[in-house]
Amino acid sequence: MPAFLRSVIERRGDARTIVLAKHDLFDALSAYDPAYAALKHEKLERRAEKLETSDGSDLEYMRTSMMAFGATEEVPYDKSGRIVLPPMMRRKGLIEDLALFIGVGETFQIWNPRIFLGDDRIPEDMKDIARFRMEERGISE
């Protein structure tokens, strides 16, 4: 895990762990620190309160909550940032031999760089980063 992500995680708390989940929109993983998990829970609770006063359904809230907390895995990392992706998360994120870490605000994403490059929704400037990282390691698209 890159140093720029570790420094943010370690500023927010003492635990050297990250929480992994299947990304909602992409064939990638969403990842965040345990402190963000509490914030995410608060956001879902506020959303549930709005649903109670609108035409929203309990089913939507339950599904969102289940995916946000039940379909996650907490993973430790060592001092140098090495993590071992659990087999189920590797499968859900389609991660193979390489992983590309992209910071996105309060969370970050972990991608298979080849899938990242093939996704038409990803801006070309972002794809250039993946290409550069792959070239650095002598890996072709």
N, C-alpha and C. Protein backbone atom coordinates (compact mmCIF):
# COMPACT_ATOMS: atom_id res chain seq x y z
N MET A 1 0.85 -1.16 0.00
CA MET A 1 0.00 0.00 0.00
C MET A 1 0.91 1.23 0.00
N PRO A 2 0.64 2.17 -0.87
CA PRO A 2 1.52 3.34 -1.00
C PRO A 2 1.58 4.19 0.28
N ALA A 3 2.73 4.84 0.46
CA ALA A 3 2.96 5.66 1.65
C ALA A 3 1.95 6.80 1.77
N PHE A 4 1.53 7.39 0.65
CA PHE A 4 0.60 8.51 0.75
C PHE A 4 -0.74 8.08 1.36
N LEU A 5 -1.13 6.86 1.18
CA LEU A 5 -2.37 6.35 1.79
C LEU A 5 -2.13 5.96 3.25
N ARG A 6 -1.01 5.30 3.52
CA ARG A 6 -0.69 4.90 4.90
C ARG A 6 -0.63 6.09 5.82
N SER A 7 -0.05 7.19 5.37
CA SER A 7 0.08 8.36 6.24
C SER A 7 -1.28 8.91 6.64
N VAL A 8 -2.23 8.92 5.73
CA VAL A 8 -3.58 9.39 6.05
C VAL A 8 -4.25 8.45 7.05
N ILE A 9 -4.16 7.15 6.79
CA ILE A 9 -4.78 6.16 7.67
C ILE A 9 -4.20 6.25 9.08
N GLU A 10 -2.90 6.38 9.17
CA GLU A 10 -2.24 6.41 10.48
C GLU A 10 -2.48 7.71 11.23
N ARG A 11 -2.75 8.80 10.53
CA ARG A 11 -3.12 10.06 11.19
C ARG A 11 -4.50 9.95 11.82
N ARG A 12 -5.38 9.14 11.22
CA ARG A 12 -6.76 9.02 11.70
C ARG A 12 -6.91 8.04 12.86
N GLY A 13 -5.95 7.15 13.06
CA GLY A 13 -6.09 6.16 14.13
C GLY A 13 -4.84 5.33 14.30
N ASP A 14 -4.86 4.52 15.36
CA ASP A 14 -3.69 3.70 15.69
C ASP A 14 -3.63 2.37 14.95
N ALA A 15 -4.76 1.87 14.53
CA ALA A 15 -4.81 0.55 13.92
C ALA A 15 -4.15 0.56 12.54
N ARG A 16 -3.30 -0.41 12.31
CA ARG A 16 -2.70 -0.58 10.98
C ARG A 16 -3.57 -1.56 10.20
N THR A 17 -4.78 -1.11 9.91
CA THR A 17 -5.70 -1.96 9.14
C THR A 17 -6.46 -1.10 8.15
N ILE A 18 -6.94 -1.76 7.11
CA ILE A 18 -7.86 -1.12 6.18
C ILE A 18 -9.09 -2.01 6.05
N VAL A 19 -10.17 -1.41 5.64
CA VAL A 19 -11.42 -2.13 5.40
C VAL A 19 -11.60 -2.20 3.88
N LEU A 20 -11.88 -3.41 3.38
CA LEU A 20 -12.06 -3.63 1.95
C LEU A 20 -13.51 -4.01 1.66
N ALA A 21 -14.00 -3.53 0.53
CA ALA A 21 -15.35 -3.90 0.06
C ALA A 21 -15.35 -3.85 -1.47
N LYS A 22 -16.27 -4.56 -2.07
CA LYS A 22 -16.45 -4.47 -3.51
C LYS A 22 -16.96 -3.07 -3.82
N HIS A 23 -16.38 -2.42 -4.80
CA HIS A 23 -16.82 -1.08 -5.18
C HIS A 23 -18.24 -1.15 -5.75
N ASP A 24 -19.05 -0.14 -5.44
CA ASP A 24 -20.44 -0.11 -5.89
C ASP A 24 -20.60 0.00 -7.40
N LEU A 25 -19.71 0.71 -8.07
CA LEU A 25 -19.87 1.00 -9.49
C LEU A 25 -18.86 0.33 -10.41
N PHE A 26 -17.67 0.08 -9.90
CA PHE A 26 -16.59 -0.41 -10.75
C PHE A 26 -16.18 -1.84 -10.39
N ASP A 27 -15.47 -2.47 -11.32
CA ASP A 27 -14.86 -3.78 -11.05
C ASP A 27 -13.54 -3.52 -10.32
N ALA A 28 -13.68 -3.12 -9.07
CA ALA A 28 -12.53 -2.75 -8.24
C ALA A 28 -12.94 -2.89 -6.79
N LEU A 29 -11.99 -2.65 -5.90
CA LEU A 29 -12.29 -2.64 -4.47
C LEU A 29 -12.33 -1.21 -3.96
N SER A 30 -13.17 -0.97 -3.00
CA SER A 30 -13.19 0.27 -2.27
C SER A 30 -12.50 -0.02 -0.94
N ALA A 31 -11.68 0.91 -0.48
CA ALA A 31 -10.94 0.68 0.76
C ALA A 31 -10.92 1.96 1.59
N TYR A 32 -10.87 1.78 2.89
CA TYR A 32 -10.84 2.92 3.80
C TYR A 32 -10.34 2.46 5.16
N ASP A 33 -10.05 3.45 6.01
CA ASP A 33 -9.55 3.13 7.34
C ASP A 33 -10.73 2.87 8.28
N PRO A 34 -10.49 2.18 9.40
CA PRO A 34 -11.58 1.87 10.33
C PRO A 34 -12.30 3.12 10.85
N ALA A 35 -11.61 4.25 10.98
CA ALA A 35 -12.27 5.47 11.44
C ALA A 35 -13.33 5.93 10.44
N TYR A 36 -13.07 5.72 9.16
CA TYR A 36 -14.05 6.10 8.15
C TYR A 36 -15.28 5.19 8.22
N ALA A 37 -15.10 3.95 8.65
CA ALA A 37 -16.23 3.03 8.79
C ALA A 37 -17.28 3.62 9.73
N ALA A 38 -16.84 4.24 10.82
CA ALA A 38 -17.79 4.86 11.76
C ALA A 38 -18.51 6.03 11.09
N LEU A 39 -17.79 6.82 10.33
CA LEU A 39 -18.40 7.94 9.61
C LEU A 39 -19.42 7.42 8.58
N LYS A 40 -19.06 6.35 7.92
CA LYS A 40 -19.95 5.74 6.93
C LYS A 40 -21.24 5.26 7.60
N HIS A 41 -21.11 4.69 8.79
CA HIS A 41 -22.28 4.24 9.53
C HIS A 41 -23.19 5.43 9.85
N GLU A 42 -22.61 6.54 10.29
CA GLU A 42 -23.40 7.74 10.58
C GLU A 42 -24.14 8.23 9.34
N LYS A 43 -23.46 8.23 8.20
CA LYS A 43 -24.09 8.67 6.95
C LYS A 43 -25.28 7.78 6.60
N LEU A 44 -25.11 6.47 6.77
CA LEU A 44 -26.21 5.55 6.48
C LEU A 44 -27.39 5.75 7.43
N GLU A 45 -27.10 6.04 8.68
CA GLU A 45 -28.16 6.29 9.65
C GLU A 45 -28.95 7.55 9.28
N ARG A 46 -28.25 8.60 8.86
CA ARG A 46 -28.94 9.82 8.42
C ARG A 46 -29.79 9.53 7.19
N ARG A 47 -29.27 8.74 6.29
CA ARG A 47 -30.03 8.37 5.09
C ARG A 47 -31.27 7.57 5.46
N ALA A 48 -31.15 6.67 6.44
CA ALA A 48 -32.29 5.87 6.88
C ALA A 48 -33.37 6.77 7.49
N GLU A 49 -32.95 7.78 8.24
CA GLU A 49 -33.92 8.70 8.82
C GLU A 49 -34.69 9.44 7.72
N LYS A 50 -34.02 9.82 6.65
CA LYS A 50 -34.69 10.48 5.53
C LYS A 50 -35.68 9.54 4.86
N LEU A 51 -35.29 8.27 4.74
CA LEU A 51 -36.18 7.29 4.12
C LEU A 51 -37.46 7.10 4.92
N GLU A 52 -37.32 7.18 6.25
CA GLU A 52 -38.51 7.02 7.11
C GLU A 52 -39.52 8.12 6.88
N THR A 53 -39.06 9.30 6.48
CA THR A 53 -39.96 10.43 6.28
C THR A 53 -40.33 10.63 4.82
N SER A 54 -39.81 9.80 3.94
CA SER A 54 -40.14 9.91 2.51
C SER A 54 -40.76 8.60 2.04
N ASP A 55 -40.80 8.46 0.75
CA ASP A 55 -41.37 7.23 0.17
C ASP A 55 -40.32 6.13 0.02
N GLY A 56 -39.14 6.29 0.62
CA GLY A 56 -38.07 5.30 0.52
C GLY A 56 -38.45 3.99 1.20
N SER A 57 -37.72 2.96 0.86
CA SER A 57 -38.06 1.65 1.42
C SER A 57 -37.00 1.17 2.41
N ASP A 58 -37.44 0.37 3.36
CA ASP A 58 -36.52 -0.24 4.31
C ASP A 58 -35.59 -1.22 3.59
N LEU A 59 -36.08 -1.81 2.52
CA LEU A 59 -35.28 -2.77 1.77
C LEU A 59 -34.02 -2.10 1.20
N GLU A 60 -34.15 -0.91 0.69
CA GLU A 60 -33.00 -0.19 0.14
C GLU A 60 -31.97 0.06 1.23
N TYR A 61 -32.44 0.49 2.39
CA TYR A 61 -31.53 0.75 3.51
C TYR A 61 -30.84 -0.55 3.94
N MET A 62 -31.60 -1.63 4.05
CA MET A 62 -31.02 -2.90 4.49
C MET A 62 -29.97 -3.40 3.51
N ARG A 63 -30.26 -3.28 2.23
CA ARG A 63 -29.32 -3.73 1.21
C ARG A 63 -28.04 -2.90 1.29
N THR A 64 -28.18 -1.59 1.37
CA THR A 64 -27.02 -0.71 1.44
C THR A 64 -26.20 -0.99 2.68
N SER A 65 -26.87 -1.14 3.81
CA SER A 65 -26.19 -1.41 5.06
C SER A 65 -25.48 -2.77 5.03
N MET A 66 -26.15 -3.76 4.45
CA MET A 66 -25.55 -5.09 4.37
C MET A 66 -24.27 -5.05 3.55
N MET A 67 -24.32 -4.38 2.42
CA MET A 67 -23.14 -4.31 1.56
C MET A 67 -22.04 -3.45 2.20
N ALA A 68 -22.44 -2.41 2.91
CA ALA A 68 -21.46 -1.50 3.50
C ALA A 68 -20.71 -2.13 4.67
N PHE A 69 -21.36 -3.03 5.39
CA PHE A 69 -20.73 -3.56 6.59
C PHE A 69 -20.61 -5.09 6.60
N GLY A 70 -21.56 -5.78 6.01
CA GLY A 70 -21.52 -7.24 6.04
C GLY A 70 -20.62 -7.85 4.98
N ALA A 71 -20.40 -7.11 3.89
CA ALA A 71 -19.60 -7.63 2.78
C ALA A 71 -18.22 -6.97 2.75
N THR A 72 -17.66 -6.76 3.93
CA THR A 72 -16.34 -6.13 4.02
C THR A 72 -15.38 -7.05 4.77
N GLU A 73 -14.11 -6.77 4.60
CA GLU A 73 -13.09 -7.50 5.36
C GLU A 73 -12.06 -6.49 5.85
N GLU A 74 -11.68 -6.63 7.11
CA GLU A 74 -10.62 -5.80 7.68
C GLU A 74 -9.31 -6.52 7.47
N VAL A 75 -8.32 -5.80 6.95
CA VAL A 75 -7.05 -6.40 6.59
C VAL A 75 -5.91 -5.60 7.23
N PRO A 76 -5.02 -6.28 7.95
CA PRO A 76 -3.87 -5.57 8.53
C PRO A 76 -2.80 -5.33 7.47
N TYR A 77 -1.95 -4.35 7.74
CA TYR A 77 -0.77 -4.14 6.90
C TYR A 77 0.44 -3.94 7.81
N ASP A 78 1.62 -4.26 7.28
CA ASP A 78 2.82 -4.13 8.10
C ASP A 78 3.42 -2.73 7.97
N LYS A 79 4.55 -2.48 8.63
CA LYS A 79 5.17 -1.15 8.66
C LYS A 79 5.50 -0.62 7.27
N SER A 80 5.83 -1.52 6.38
CA SER A 80 6.18 -1.09 5.02
C SER A 80 4.95 -0.97 4.12
N GLY A 81 3.77 -1.30 4.65
CA GLY A 81 2.54 -1.16 3.87
C GLY A 81 2.10 -2.41 3.13
N ARG A 82 2.81 -3.50 3.33
CA ARG A 82 2.41 -4.74 2.65
C ARG A 82 1.11 -5.27 3.24
N ILE A 83 0.21 -5.64 2.34
CA ILE A 83 -1.05 -6.26 2.74
C ILE A 83 -1.22 -7.54 1.94
N VAL A 84 -1.98 -8.45 2.49
CA VAL A 84 -2.36 -9.66 1.78
C VAL A 84 -3.86 -9.55 1.53
N LEU A 85 -4.21 -9.44 0.26
CA LEU A 85 -5.63 -9.34 -0.07
C LEU A 85 -6.29 -10.71 0.13
N PRO A 86 -7.36 -10.77 0.91
CA PRO A 86 -8.05 -12.04 1.09
C PRO A 86 -8.58 -12.56 -0.25
N PRO A 87 -8.62 -13.88 -0.42
CA PRO A 87 -9.05 -14.45 -1.70
C PRO A 87 -10.40 -13.94 -2.20
N MET A 88 -11.38 -13.80 -1.31
CA MET A 88 -12.69 -13.33 -1.76
C MET A 88 -12.61 -11.89 -2.28
N MET A 89 -11.84 -11.05 -1.61
CA MET A 89 -11.71 -9.66 -2.06
C MET A 89 -10.94 -9.60 -3.39
N ARG A 90 -9.92 -10.44 -3.52
CA ARG A 90 -9.20 -10.49 -4.81
C ARG A 90 -10.17 -10.85 -5.93
N ARG A 91 -11.04 -11.80 -5.66
CA ARG A 91 -12.02 -12.23 -6.66
C ARG A 91 -13.02 -11.11 -6.95
N LYS A 92 -13.55 -10.49 -5.91
CA LYS A 92 -14.54 -9.42 -6.09
C LYS A 92 -13.97 -8.23 -6.85
N GLY A 93 -12.69 -7.92 -6.59
CA GLY A 93 -12.06 -6.79 -7.27
C GLY A 93 -11.35 -7.16 -8.55
N LEU A 94 -11.40 -8.44 -8.93
CA LEU A 94 -10.73 -8.94 -10.13
C LEU A 94 -9.23 -8.64 -10.12
N ILE A 95 -8.65 -8.66 -8.92
CA ILE A 95 -7.22 -8.36 -8.75
C ILE A 95 -6.41 -9.62 -9.06
N GLU A 96 -5.40 -9.46 -9.88
CA GLU A 96 -4.53 -10.58 -10.23
C GLU A 96 -3.15 -10.36 -9.62
N ASP A 97 -2.14 -10.23 -10.46
CA ASP A 97 -0.77 -10.10 -9.97
C ASP A 97 -0.40 -8.66 -9.60
N LEU A 98 -1.10 -7.68 -10.13
CA LEU A 98 -0.80 -6.27 -9.87
C LEU A 98 -2.00 -5.57 -9.25
N ALA A 99 -1.73 -4.53 -8.48
CA ALA A 99 -2.81 -3.73 -7.91
C ALA A 99 -2.44 -2.25 -8.07
N LEU A 100 -3.43 -1.48 -8.49
CA LEU A 100 -3.27 -0.04 -8.65
C LEU A 100 -4.11 0.64 -7.58
N PHE A 101 -3.48 1.50 -6.78
CA PHE A 101 -4.16 2.22 -5.70
C PHE A 101 -4.45 3.64 -6.16
N ILE A 102 -5.71 4.04 -6.06
CA ILE A 102 -6.14 5.38 -6.48
C ILE A 102 -6.86 6.04 -5.30
N GLY A 103 -6.34 7.18 -4.84
CA GLY A 103 -7.00 7.94 -3.78
C GLY A 103 -8.20 8.67 -4.33
N VAL A 104 -9.32 8.59 -3.62
CA VAL A 104 -10.56 9.27 -4.06
C VAL A 104 -11.25 9.90 -2.86
N GLY A 105 -10.67 10.96 -2.35
CA GLY A 105 -11.28 11.66 -1.22
C GLY A 105 -11.06 10.91 0.08
N GLU A 106 -12.15 10.57 0.75
CA GLU A 106 -12.05 9.91 2.06
C GLU A 106 -11.74 8.43 1.96
N THR A 107 -11.78 7.89 0.77
CA THR A 107 -11.52 6.47 0.56
C THR A 107 -10.47 6.32 -0.55
N PHE A 108 -10.14 5.08 -0.86
CA PHE A 108 -9.32 4.83 -2.03
C PHE A 108 -9.81 3.56 -2.70
N GLN A 109 -9.37 3.38 -3.94
CA GLN A 109 -9.78 2.21 -4.71
C GLN A 109 -8.55 1.37 -5.02
N ILE A 110 -8.78 0.07 -5.12
CA ILE A 110 -7.74 -0.86 -5.54
C ILE A 110 -8.24 -1.54 -6.80
N TRP A 111 -7.48 -1.39 -7.85
CA TRP A 111 -7.85 -1.87 -9.18
C TRP A 111 -6.85 -2.89 -9.72
N ASN A 112 -7.32 -3.74 -10.58
CA ASN A 112 -6.47 -4.47 -11.50
C ASN A 112 -6.13 -3.42 -12.57
N PRO A 113 -4.86 -3.07 -12.77
CA PRO A 113 -4.55 -1.98 -13.70
C PRO A 113 -5.02 -2.24 -15.13
N ARG A 114 -5.06 -3.49 -15.54
CA ARG A 114 -5.52 -3.80 -16.90
C ARG A 114 -7.02 -3.49 -17.05
N ILE A 115 -7.78 -3.79 -16.02
CA ILE A 115 -9.21 -3.47 -16.05
C ILE A 115 -9.42 -1.96 -15.99
N PHE A 116 -8.61 -1.29 -15.18
CA PHE A 116 -8.66 0.17 -15.09
C PHE A 116 -8.45 0.78 -16.47
N LEU A 117 -7.44 0.31 -17.19
CA LEU A 117 -7.14 0.84 -18.52
C LEU A 117 -8.25 0.55 -19.53
N GLY A 118 -8.98 -0.53 -19.33
CA GLY A 118 -10.03 -0.90 -20.27
C GLY A 118 -11.39 -0.31 -19.96
N ASP A 119 -11.52 0.40 -18.86
CA ASP A 119 -12.82 0.95 -18.46
C ASP A 119 -13.03 2.31 -19.13
N ASP A 120 -14.04 2.40 -19.98
CA ASP A 120 -14.33 3.63 -20.73
C ASP A 120 -14.76 4.79 -19.84
N ARG A 121 -15.14 4.52 -18.61
CA ARG A 121 -15.58 5.59 -17.70
C ARG A 121 -14.42 6.31 -17.03
N ILE A 122 -13.22 5.76 -17.14
CA ILE A 122 -12.05 6.33 -16.49
C ILE A 122 -11.43 7.40 -17.41
N PRO A 123 -11.17 8.61 -16.89
CA PRO A 123 -10.54 9.65 -17.71
C PRO A 123 -9.16 9.22 -18.20
N GLU A 124 -8.84 9.64 -19.40
CA GLU A 124 -7.58 9.25 -20.02
C GLU A 124 -6.37 9.70 -19.21
N ASP A 125 -6.44 10.87 -18.57
CA ASP A 125 -5.33 11.34 -17.73
C ASP A 125 -5.06 10.38 -16.58
N MET A 126 -6.11 9.80 -16.02
CA MET A 126 -5.93 8.82 -14.95
C MET A 126 -5.32 7.53 -15.49
N LYS A 127 -5.71 7.15 -16.68
CA LYS A 127 -5.15 5.95 -17.30
C LYS A 127 -3.65 6.11 -17.53
N ASP A 128 -3.22 7.35 -17.82
CA ASP A 128 -1.79 7.59 -18.01
C ASP A 128 -0.99 7.23 -16.77
N ILE A 129 -1.56 7.45 -15.60
CA ILE A 129 -0.89 7.08 -14.35
C ILE A 129 -0.68 5.57 -14.29
N ALA A 130 -1.71 4.83 -14.63
CA ALA A 130 -1.60 3.36 -14.61
C ALA A 130 -0.56 2.89 -15.63
N ARG A 131 -0.59 3.48 -16.81
CA ARG A 131 0.41 3.10 -17.83
C ARG A 131 1.83 3.37 -17.34
N PHE A 132 2.03 4.54 -16.74
CA PHE A 132 3.35 4.90 -16.22
C PHE A 132 3.82 3.90 -15.17
N ARG A 133 2.95 3.56 -14.23
CA ARG A 133 3.31 2.62 -13.17
C ARG A 133 3.65 1.25 -13.76
N MET A 134 2.89 0.83 -14.76
CA MET A 134 3.16 -0.46 -15.38
C MET A 134 4.49 -0.43 -16.13
N GLU A 135 4.74 0.67 -16.85
CA GLU A 135 6.00 0.80 -17.58
C GLU A 135 7.19 0.78 -16.63
N GLU A 136 7.04 1.44 -15.46
CA GLU A 136 8.11 1.44 -14.45
C GLU A 136 8.50 0.03 -14.06
N ARG A 137 7.55 -0.86 -14.06
CA ARG A 137 7.82 -2.25 -13.65
C ARG A 137 8.04 -3.18 -14.85
N GLY A 138 8.15 -2.59 -16.05
CA GLY A 138 8.42 -3.38 -17.24
C GLY A 138 7.25 -4.26 -17.66
N ILE A 139 6.03 -3.80 -17.39
CA ILE A 139 4.83 -4.57 -17.69
C ILE A 139 4.09 -3.88 -18.82
N SER A 140 3.71 -4.64 -19.82
CA SER A 140 2.96 -4.06 -20.94
C SER A 140 1.46 -4.22 -20.68
N GLU A 141 0.70 -3.38 -21.38
CA GLU A 141 -0.76 -3.42 -21.28
C GLU A 141 -1.25 -4.76 -21.78
